[in-house]
Amino acid sequence: MLNNIGLPGILLIAIVVLVLFGRGKISSLMGEVGKGITSFKRGLSEGKQELEDASHEGDSARDVTPEKDKA
């Protein structure tokens, strides 16, 4: 269905969106999208850092076998 839009179709859609929403609304929307992408990337890097820190803390070998009941 959308495989053959082409450049003229994309330009027409862009013009319609520009007329409907206006330049100011679109620029503010793109600014918010940029902030969201930046926040997402920051979250990914912080999560990766947390995983690396947790793996470095667990480098020492530990005995994790459960203790048997002493009855």
Protein backbone atom coordinates (compact mmCIF):
# COMPACT_ATOMS: atom_id res chain seq x y z
CA MET A 1 0.00 0.00 0.00
CA LEU A 2 2.67 2.52 1.03
CA ASN A 3 5.41 1.01 -1.11
CA ASN A 4 5.00 3.40 -4.03
CA ILE A 5 4.46 6.83 -2.42
CA GLY A 6 7.55 8.38 -3.98
CA LEU A 7 8.99 11.87 -3.60
CA PRO A 8 5.93 13.78 -4.86
CA GLY A 9 3.70 11.97 -2.36
CA ILE A 10 6.05 12.70 0.52
CA LEU A 11 6.24 16.37 -0.47
CA LEU A 12 2.45 16.59 -0.64
CA ILE A 13 2.11 15.04 2.81
CA ALA A 14 4.73 17.45 4.21
CA ILE A 15 2.91 20.47 2.74
CA VAL A 16 -0.44 19.32 4.15
CA VAL A 17 1.07 18.79 7.61
CA LEU A 18 2.75 22.21 7.46
CA VAL A 19 -0.52 23.91 6.50
CA LEU A 20 -2.53 22.09 9.17
CA PHE A 21 -0.18 22.55 12.11
CA GLY A 22 1.93 25.58 11.24
CA ARG A 23 5.66 26.05 11.40
CA GLY A 24 5.81 26.94 15.11
CA LYS A 25 3.89 23.89 16.26
CA ILE A 26 6.00 21.54 14.14
CA SER A 27 9.30 23.03 15.35
CA SER A 28 8.24 22.73 18.99
CA LEU A 29 7.13 19.15 18.37
CA MET A 30 10.48 18.28 16.79
CA GLY A 31 12.25 19.88 19.77
CA GLU A 32 10.29 17.63 22.13
CA VAL A 33 11.11 14.58 19.99
CA GLY A 34 14.80 15.51 20.17
CA LYS A 35 14.63 15.85 23.96
CA GLY A 36 12.93 12.47 24.17
CA ILE A 37 15.59 10.79 22.07
CA THR A 38 18.34 12.39 24.17
CA SER A 39 16.66 11.24 27.38
CA PHE A 40 16.25 7.72 25.98
CA LYS A 41 19.93 7.51 25.04
CA ARG A 42 20.94 8.83 28.47
CA GLY A 43 18.76 6.19 30.13
CA LEU A 44 20.31 3.44 28.04
CA SER A 45 23.84 4.52 28.91
CA GLU A 46 22.98 4.81 32.64
CA GLY A 47 21.41 1.34 32.59
CA LYS A 48 24.45 -0.09 30.85
CA GLN A 49 26.70 1.57 33.42
CA GLU A 50 24.64 0.12 36.28
CA LEU A 51 24.93 -3.36 34.78
CA GLU A 52 28.68 -3.00 34.40
CA ASP A 53 29.03 -1.77 38.00
CA ALA A 54 26.94 -4.67 39.28
CA SER A 55 29.01 -7.18 37.34
CA HIS A 56 32.26 -5.71 38.75
CA GLU A 57 30.93 -5.97 42.30
CA GLY A 58 30.09 -9.63 41.78
CA ASP A 59 33.50 -10.62 40.43
CA SER A 60 34.47 -12.46 43.62
CA ALA A 61 33.29 -16.07 43.77
CA ARG A 62 30.52 -16.73 46.27
CA ASP A 63 28.88 -19.88 47.52
CA VAL A 64 25.18 -19.51 46.73
CA THR A 65 24.06 -23.02 47.59
CA PRO A 66 21.23 -23.08 50.14
CA GLU A 67 22.00 -24.30 53.62
CA LYS A 68 20.50 -27.63 54.64
CA ASP A 69 18.13 -27.80 57.60
CA LYS A 70 19.90 -28.87 60.75
CA ALA A 71 17.32 -31.05 62.45
